[in-house]
């Protein structure tokens, strides 16, 4: 028996399904959403000598941004 296209067993991906490229892109977007605000917070801490306050605030902003990014990416598949 020949597998049909889109069955996930060697055929093309089903329309509307996640591919490896989609997942890699999502991982990069989440990593950037976490890392950029945290790095900005570290920079603010270095300038204002208020260590860990800026980092913690940046990390909190990054967590919210990462959740929003993941939700927006997965919303089309829900």
PDB file of N, CA and C in Angstrom:
ATOM      1  N   UNK A   1       0.840  -1.174   0.000  1.00  0.00           N
ATOM      2  CA  UNK A   1       0.000   0.000   0.000  1.00  0.00           C
ATOM      3  C   UNK A   1       0.885   1.236   0.000  1.00  0.00           C
ATOM      4  N   UNK A   2       0.603   2.178  -0.862  1.00  0.00           N
ATOM      5  CA  UNK A   2       1.371   3.411  -0.984  1.00  0.00           C
ATOM      6  C   UNK A   2       0.768   4.453  -0.043  1.00  0.00           C
ATOM      7  N   UNK A   3       1.616   5.094   0.791  1.00  0.00           N
ATOM      8  CA  UNK A   3       1.065   6.102   1.702  1.00  0.00           C
ATOM      9  C   UNK A   3       0.516   7.290   0.929  1.00  0.00           C
ATOM     10  N   UNK A   4      -0.599   7.800   1.385  1.00  0.00           N
ATOM     11  CA  UNK A   4      -1.188   8.977   0.770  1.00  0.00           C
ATOM     12  C   UNK A   4      -0.422  10.211   1.198  1.00  0.00           C
ATOM     13  N   UNK A   5      -0.494  11.225   0.362  1.00  0.00           N
ATOM     14  CA  UNK A   5       0.169  12.465   0.722  1.00  0.00           C
ATOM     15  C   UNK A   5      -0.520  13.069   1.931  1.00  0.00           C
ATOM     16  N   UNK A   6       0.293  13.557   2.864  1.00  0.00           N
ATOM     17  CA  UNK A   6      -0.265  14.244   4.008  1.00  0.00           C
ATOM     18  C   UNK A   6      -0.592  13.340   5.172  1.00  0.00           C
ATOM     19  N   UNK A   7      -0.190  12.074   5.108  1.00  0.00           N
ATOM     20  CA  UNK A   7      -0.515  11.184   6.220  1.00  0.00           C
ATOM     21  C   UNK A   7       0.575  11.173   7.277  1.00  0.00           C
ATOM     22  N   UNK A   8       1.653  11.922   7.089  1.00  0.00           N
ATOM     23  CA  UNK A   8       2.724  11.995   8.056  1.00  0.00           C
ATOM     24  C   UNK A   8       3.689  10.823   7.990  1.00  0.00           C
ATOM     25  N   UNK A   9       3.582   9.970   6.992  1.00  0.00           N
ATOM     26  CA  UNK A   9       4.458   8.810   6.866  1.00  0.00           C
ATOM     27  C   UNK A   9       5.176   8.837   5.527  1.00  0.00           C
ATOM     28  N   UNK A  10       5.951   9.851   5.321  1.00  0.00           N
ATOM     29  CA  UNK A  10       6.736   9.930   4.104  1.00  0.00           C
ATOM     30  C   UNK A  10       6.128  10.799   3.028  1.00  0.00           C
ATOM     31  N   UNK A  11       4.863  11.149   3.149  1.00  0.00           N
ATOM     32  CA  UNK A  11       4.238  12.031   2.172  1.00  0.00           C
ATOM     33  C   UNK A  11       4.498  13.479   2.530  1.00  0.00           C
ATOM     34  N   UNK A  12       3.876  14.358   1.822  1.00  0.00           N
ATOM     35  CA  UNK A  12       3.996  15.779   2.136  1.00  0.00           C
ATOM     36  C   UNK A  12       3.243  16.075   3.429  1.00  0.00           C
ATOM     37  N   UNK A  13       3.643  17.132   4.140  1.00  0.00           N
ATOM     38  CA  UNK A  13       2.912  17.494   5.360  1.00  0.00           C
ATOM     39  C   UNK A  13       1.474  17.873   5.044  1.00  0.00           C
ATOM     40  N   UNK A  14       0.597  17.568   5.970  1.00  0.00           N
ATOM     41  CA  UNK A  14      -0.805  17.942   5.799  1.00  0.00           C
ATOM     42  C   UNK A  14      -0.917  19.452   5.772  1.00  0.00           C
ATOM     43  N   UNK A  15      -1.850  19.991   5.016  1.00  0.00           N
ATOM     44  CA  UNK A  15      -2.057  21.436   5.035  1.00  0.00           C
ATOM     45  C   UNK A  15      -2.434  21.880   6.447  1.00  0.00           C
ATOM     46  N   UNK A  16      -1.808  22.931   6.919  1.00  0.00           N
ATOM     47  CA  UNK A  16      -2.100  23.441   8.246  1.00  0.00           C
ATOM     48  C   UNK A  16      -1.327  22.761   9.353  1.00  0.00           C
ATOM     49  N   UNK A  17      -0.397  21.855   9.019  1.00  0.00           N
ATOM     50  CA  UNK A  17       0.386  21.190  10.061  1.00  0.00           C
ATOM     51  C   UNK A  17       1.747  21.863  10.187  1.00  0.00           C
ATOM     52  N   UNK A  18       2.359  21.694  11.351  1.00  0.00           N
ATOM     53  CA  UNK A  18       3.671  22.292  11.597  1.00  0.00           C
ATOM     54  C   UNK A  18       4.760  21.481  10.918  1.00  0.00           C
ATOM     55  N   UNK A  19       5.725  22.171  10.354  1.00  0.00           N
ATOM     56  CA  UNK A  19       6.889  21.514   9.775  1.00  0.00           C
ATOM     57  C   UNK A  19       8.093  21.772  10.682  1.00  0.00           C
ATOM     58  N   UNK A  20       9.177  21.107  10.406  1.00  0.00           N
ATOM     59  CA  UNK A  20      10.392  21.316  11.178  1.00  0.00           C
ATOM     60  C   UNK A  20      10.873  22.744  11.097  1.00  0.00           C
ATOM     61  N   UNK A  21      10.748  23.348   9.940  1.00  0.00           N
ATOM     62  CA  UNK A  21      11.156  24.739   9.762  1.00  0.00           C
ATOM     63  C   UNK A  21      10.304  25.667  10.619  1.00  0.00           C
ATOM     64  N   UNK A  22       9.002  25.394  10.699  1.00  0.00           N
ATOM     65  CA  UNK A  22       8.126  26.196  11.552  1.00  0.00           C
ATOM     66  C   UNK A  22       8.564  26.109  13.011  1.00  0.00           C
ATOM     67  N   UNK A  23       8.900  24.908  13.452  1.00  0.00           N
ATOM     68  CA  UNK A  23       9.292  24.716  14.845  1.00  0.00           C
ATOM     69  C   UNK A  23      10.639  25.370  15.148  1.00  0.00           C
ATOM     70  N   UNK A  24      11.577  25.308  14.203  1.00  0.00           N
ATOM     71  CA  UNK A  24      12.865  25.977  14.395  1.00  0.00           C
ATOM     72  C   UNK A  24      12.654  27.489  14.475  1.00  0.00           C
ATOM     73  N   UNK A  25      11.833  28.013  13.604  1.00  0.00           N
ATOM     74  CA  UNK A  25      11.528  29.443  13.638  1.00  0.00           C
ATOM     75  C   UNK A  25      10.873  29.853  14.943  1.00  0.00           C
ATOM     76  N   UNK A  26       9.976  29.019  15.454  1.00  0.00           N
ATOM     77  CA  UNK A  26       9.328  29.304  16.726  1.00  0.00           C
ATOM     78  C   UNK A  26      10.339  29.299  17.860  1.00  0.00           C
ATOM     79  N   UNK A  27      11.256  28.343  17.846  1.00  0.00           N
ATOM     80  CA  UNK A  27      12.283  28.279  18.877  1.00  0.00           C
ATOM     81  C   UNK A  27      13.187  29.499  18.874  1.00  0.00           C
ATOM     82  N   UNK A  28      13.566  29.948  17.684  1.00  0.00           N
ATOM     83  CA  UNK A  28      14.415  31.139  17.570  1.00  0.00           C
ATOM     84  C   UNK A  28      13.657  32.375  18.050  1.00  0.00           C
ATOM     85  N   UNK A  29      12.384  32.474  17.686  1.00  0.00           N
ATOM     86  CA  UNK A  29      11.582  33.631  18.104  1.00  0.00           C
ATOM     87  C   UNK A  29      11.404  33.662  19.616  1.00  0.00           C
ATOM     88  N   UNK A  30      11.170  32.511  20.228  1.00  0.00           N
ATOM     89  CA  UNK A  30      11.012  32.458  21.684  1.00  0.00           C
ATOM     90  C   UNK A  30      12.329  32.786  22.371  1.00  0.00           C
ATOM     91  N   UNK A  31      13.432  32.246  21.856  1.00  0.00           N
ATOM     92  CA  UNK A  31      14.741  32.535  22.448  1.00  0.00           C
ATOM     93  C   UNK A  31      15.052  34.036  22.373  1.00  0.00           C
ATOM     94  N   UNK A  32      14.759  34.646  21.236  1.00  0.00           N
ATOM     95  CA  UNK A  32      15.008  36.084  21.084  1.00  0.00           C
ATOM     96  C   UNK A  32      14.088  36.893  21.993  1.00  0.00           C
ATOM     97  N   UNK A  33      12.828  36.457  22.120  1.00  0.00           N
ATOM     98  CA  UNK A  33      11.885  37.175  22.978  1.00  0.00           C
ATOM     99  C   UNK A  33      12.310  37.126  24.441  1.00  0.00           C
ATOM    100  N   UNK A  34      13.000  36.082  24.831  1.00  0.00           N
ATOM    101  CA  UNK A  34      13.519  35.996  26.201  1.00  0.00           C
ATOM    102  C   UNK A  34      14.848  36.723  26.366  1.00  0.00           C
ATOM    103  N   UNK A  35      15.738  36.556  25.406  1.00  0.00           N
ATOM    104  CA  UNK A  35      17.106  37.047  25.548  1.00  0.00           C
ATOM    105  C   UNK A  35      17.226  38.563  25.394  1.00  0.00           C
ATOM    106  N   UNK A  36      16.509  39.138  24.456  1.00  0.00           N
ATOM    107  CA  UNK A  36      16.673  40.570  24.186  1.00  0.00           C
ATOM    108  C   UNK A  36      16.254  41.429  25.387  1.00  0.00           C
ATOM    109  N   UNK A  37      15.052  41.242  25.959  1.00  0.00           N
ATOM    110  CA  UNK A  37      14.708  42.059  27.128  1.00  0.00           C
ATOM    111  C   UNK A  37      15.617  41.792  28.335  1.00  0.00           C
ATOM    112  N   UNK A  38      16.040  40.545  28.517  1.00  0.00           N
ATOM    113  CA  UNK A  38      16.945  40.238  29.627  1.00  0.00           C
ATOM    114  C   UNK A  38      18.286  40.946  29.429  1.00  0.00           C
ATOM    115  N   UNK A  39      18.798  40.974  28.205  1.00  0.00           N
ATOM    116  CA  UNK A  39      20.059  41.671  27.928  1.00  0.00           C
ATOM    117  C   UNK A  39      19.914  43.173  28.127  1.00  0.00           C
ATOM    118  N   UNK A  40      18.769  43.720  27.742  1.00  0.00           N
ATOM    119  CA  UNK A  40      18.524  45.148  27.975  1.00  0.00           C
ATOM    120  C   UNK A  40      18.491  45.419  29.474  1.00  0.00           C
ATOM    121  N   UNK A  41      17.869  44.515  30.234  1.00  0.00           N
ATOM    122  CA  UNK A  41      17.840  44.663  31.688  1.00  0.00           C
ATOM    123  C   UNK A  41      19.224  44.623  32.301  1.00  0.00           C
ATOM    124  N   UNK A  42      20.083  43.752  31.802  1.00  0.00           N
ATOM    125  CA  UNK A  42      21.467  43.698  32.288  1.00  0.00           C
ATOM    126  C   UNK A  42      22.180  45.007  31.962  1.00  0.00           C
ATOM    127  N   UNK A  43      21.938  45.540  30.781  1.00  0.00           N
ATOM    128  CA  UNK A  43      22.531  46.826  30.414  1.00  0.00           C
ATOM    129  C   UNK A  43      22.049  47.956  31.311  1.00  0.00           C
ATOM    130  N   UNK A  44      20.765  47.969  31.609  1.00  0.00           N
ATOM    131  CA  UNK A  44      20.214  48.986  32.514  1.00  0.00           C
ATOM    132  C   UNK A  44      20.850  48.842  33.899  1.00  0.00           C
ATOM    133  N   UNK A  45      21.007  47.595  34.360  1.00  0.00           N
ATOM    134  CA  UNK A  45      21.655  47.354  35.654  1.00  0.00           C
ATOM    135  C   UNK A  45      23.088  47.868  35.661  1.00  0.00           C
ATOM    136  N   UNK A  46      23.807  47.655  34.588  1.00  0.00           N
ATOM    137  CA  UNK A  46      25.201  48.097  34.516  1.00  0.00           C
ATOM    138  C   UNK A  46      25.300  49.624  34.549  1.00  0.00           C
ATOM    139  N   UNK A  47      24.361  50.293  33.896  1.00  0.00           N
ATOM    140  CA  UNK A  47      24.389  51.756  33.857  1.00  0.00           C
ATOM    141  C   UNK A  47      23.919  52.383  35.164  1.00  0.00           C
ATOM    142  N   UNK A  48      22.938  51.755  35.802  1.00  0.00           N
ATOM    143  CA  UNK A  48      22.346  52.363  37.002  1.00  0.00           C
ATOM    144  C   UNK A  48      22.820  51.716  38.298  1.00  0.00           C
ATOM    145  N   UNK A  49      23.683  50.709  38.199  1.00  0.00           N
ATOM    146  CA  UNK A  49      24.204  50.010  39.379  1.00  0.00           C
ATOM    147  C   UNK A  49      23.072  49.501  40.274  1.00  0.00           C
ATOM    148  N   UNK A  50      22.058  48.923  39.656  1.00  0.00           N
ATOM    149  CA  UNK A  50      20.895  48.422  40.398  1.00  0.00           C
ATOM    150  C   UNK A  50      20.718  46.929  40.153  1.00  0.00           C
ATOM    151  N   UNK A  51      21.827  46.211  40.218  1.00  0.00           N
ATOM    152  CA  UNK A  51      21.797  44.783  39.909  1.00  0.00           C
ATOM    153  C   UNK A  51      20.745  44.060  40.703  1.00  0.00           C
ATOM    154  N   UNK A  52      20.127  43.183  40.380  1.00  0.00           N
ATOM    155  CA  UNK A  52      19.310  42.322  39.558  1.00  0.00           C
ATOM    156  C   UNK A  52      17.960  42.894  39.173  1.00  0.00           C
ATOM    157  N   UNK A  53      17.650  44.147  39.581  1.00  0.00           N
ATOM    158  CA  UNK A  53      16.313  44.683  39.328  1.00  0.00           C
ATOM    159  C   UNK A  53      16.029  44.768  37.823  1.00  0.00           C
ATOM    160  N   UNK A  54      16.917  45.353  37.056  1.00  0.00           N
ATOM    161  CA  UNK A  54      16.710  45.475  35.609  1.00  0.00           C
ATOM    162  C   UNK A  54      16.638  44.124  34.929  1.00  0.00           C
ATOM    163  N   UNK A  55      17.494  43.192  35.364  1.00  0.00           N
ATOM    164  CA  UNK A  55      17.474  41.856  34.781  1.00  0.00           C
ATOM    165  C   UNK A  55      16.151  41.150  35.054  1.00  0.00           C
ATOM    166  N   UNK A  56      15.674  41.243  36.294  1.00  0.00           N
ATOM    167  CA  UNK A  56      14.417  40.580  36.660  1.00  0.00           C
ATOM    168  C   UNK A  56      13.250  41.175  35.884  1.00  0.00           C
ATOM    169  N   UNK A  57      13.222  42.494  35.772  1.00  0.00           N
ATOM    170  CA  UNK A  57      12.155  43.136  34.996  1.00  0.00           C
ATOM    171  C   UNK A  57      12.265  42.741  33.522  1.00  0.00           C
ATOM    172  N   UNK A  58      13.479  42.741  32.978  1.00  0.00           N
ATOM    173  CA  UNK A  58      13.677  42.331  31.588  1.00  0.00           C
ATOM    174  C   UNK A  58      13.282  40.882  31.361  1.00  0.00           C
ATOM    175  N   UNK A  59      13.605  40.021  32.323  1.00  0.00           N
ATOM    176  CA  UNK A  59      13.225  38.616  32.201  1.00  0.00           C
ATOM    177  C   UNK A  59      11.708  38.443  32.245  1.00  0.00           C
ATOM    178  N   UNK A  60      11.039  39.197  33.114  1.00  0.00           N
ATOM    179  CA  UNK A  60       9.569  39.129  33.183  1.00  0.00           C
ATOM    180  C   UNK A  60       8.944  39.592  31.869  1.00  0.00           C
ATOM    181  N   UNK A  61       9.474  40.676  31.321  1.00  0.00           N
ATOM    182  CA  UNK A  61       8.975  41.162  30.025  1.00  0.00           C
ATOM    183  C   UNK A  61       9.236  40.113  28.946  1.00  0.00           C
ATOM    184  N   UNK A  62      10.397  39.476  28.993  1.00  0.00           N
ATOM    185  CA  UNK A  62      10.732  38.442  28.018  1.00  0.00           C
ATOM    186  C   UNK A  62       9.818  37.231  28.106  1.00  0.00           C
ATOM    187  N   UNK A  63       9.462  36.832  29.319  1.00  0.00           N
ATOM    188  CA  UNK A  63       8.557  35.688  29.487  1.00  0.00           C
ATOM    189  C   UNK A  63       7.193  36.007  28.895  1.00  0.00           C
ATOM    190  N   UNK A  64       6.695  37.197  29.164  1.00  0.00           N
ATOM    191  CA  UNK A  64       5.404  37.604  28.592  1.00  0.00           C
ATOM    192  C   UNK A  64       5.495  37.657  27.068  1.00  0.00           C
ATOM    193  N   UNK A  65       6.585  38.210  26.552  1.00  0.00           N
ATOM    194  CA  UNK A  65       6.762  38.300  25.097  1.00  0.00           C
ATOM    195  C   UNK A  65       6.875  36.909  24.473  1.00  0.00           C
ATOM    196  N   UNK A  66       7.568  35.991  25.131  1.00  0.00           N
ATOM    197  CA  UNK A  66       7.708  34.629  24.601  1.00  0.00           C
ATOM    198  C   UNK A  66       6.361  33.914  24.581  1.00  0.00           C
ATOM    199  N   UNK A  67       5.573  34.082  25.630  1.00  0.00           N
ATOM    200  CA  UNK A  67       4.237  33.469  25.655  1.00  0.00           C
ATOM    201  C   UNK A  67       3.352  34.045  24.554  1.00  0.00           C
ATOM    202  N   UNK A  68       3.415  35.370  24.374  1.00  0.00           N
ATOM    203  CA  UNK A  68       2.621  36.004  23.318  1.00  0.00           C
ATOM    204  C   UNK A  68       3.070  35.529  21.944  1.00  0.00           C
ATOM    205  N   UNK A  69       4.375  35.381  21.748  1.00  0.00           N
ATOM    206  CA  UNK A  69       4.905  34.896  20.471  1.00  0.00           C
ATOM    207  C   UNK A  69       4.433  33.478  20.193  1.00  0.00           C
ATOM    208  N   UNK A  70       4.531  32.610  21.184  1.00  0.00           N
ATOM    209  CA  UNK A  70       4.095  31.219  21.007  1.00  0.00           C
ATOM    210  C   UNK A  70       2.598  31.161  20.719  1.00  0.00           C
ATOM    211  N   UNK A  71       1.812  31.950  21.436  1.00  0.00           N
ATOM    212  CA  UNK A  71       0.362  31.940  21.210  1.00  0.00           C
ATOM    213  C   UNK A  71       0.030  32.422  19.806  1.00  0.00           C
ATOM    214  N   UNK A  72       0.676  33.497  19.363  1.00  0.00           N
ATOM    215  CA  UNK A  72       0.388  34.020  18.030  1.00  0.00           C
ATOM    216  C   UNK A  72       0.788  33.025  16.942  1.00  0.00           C
ATOM    217  N   UNK A  73       1.885  32.288  17.149  1.00  0.00           N
ATOM    218  CA  UNK A  73       2.316  31.308  16.155  1.00  0.00           C
ATOM    219  C   UNK A  73       1.386  30.096  16.126  1.00  0.00           C
ATOM    220  N   UNK A  74       0.946  29.639  17.295  1.00  0.00           N
ATOM    221  CA  UNK A  74       0.104  28.443  17.360  1.00  0.00           C
ATOM    222  C   UNK A  74      -1.360  28.724  17.130  1.00  0.00           C
ATOM    223  N   UNK A  75      -1.766  29.996  17.188  1.00  0.00           N
ATOM    224  CA  UNK A  75      -3.175  30.345  17.038  1.00  0.00           C
ATOM    225  C   UNK A  75      -3.757  29.850  15.721  1.00  0.00           C
ATOM    226  N   UNK A  76      -2.966  29.865  14.675  1.00  0.00           N
ATOM    227  CA  UNK A  76      -3.484  29.432  13.372  1.00  0.00           C
ATOM    228  C   UNK A  76      -3.715  27.924  13.309  1.00  0.00           C
ATOM    229  N   UNK A  77      -3.135  27.168  14.250  1.00  0.00           N
ATOM    230  CA  UNK A  77      -3.299  25.717  14.259  1.00  0.00           C
ATOM    231  C   UNK A  77      -4.358  25.262  15.260  1.00  0.00           C
ATOM    232  N   UNK A  78      -4.893  26.179  16.036  1.00  0.00           N
ATOM    233  CA  UNK A  78      -5.889  25.797  17.052  1.00  0.00           C
ATOM    234  C   UNK A  78      -7.274  25.713  16.470  1.00  0.00           C
TER     235      UNK A  78
END
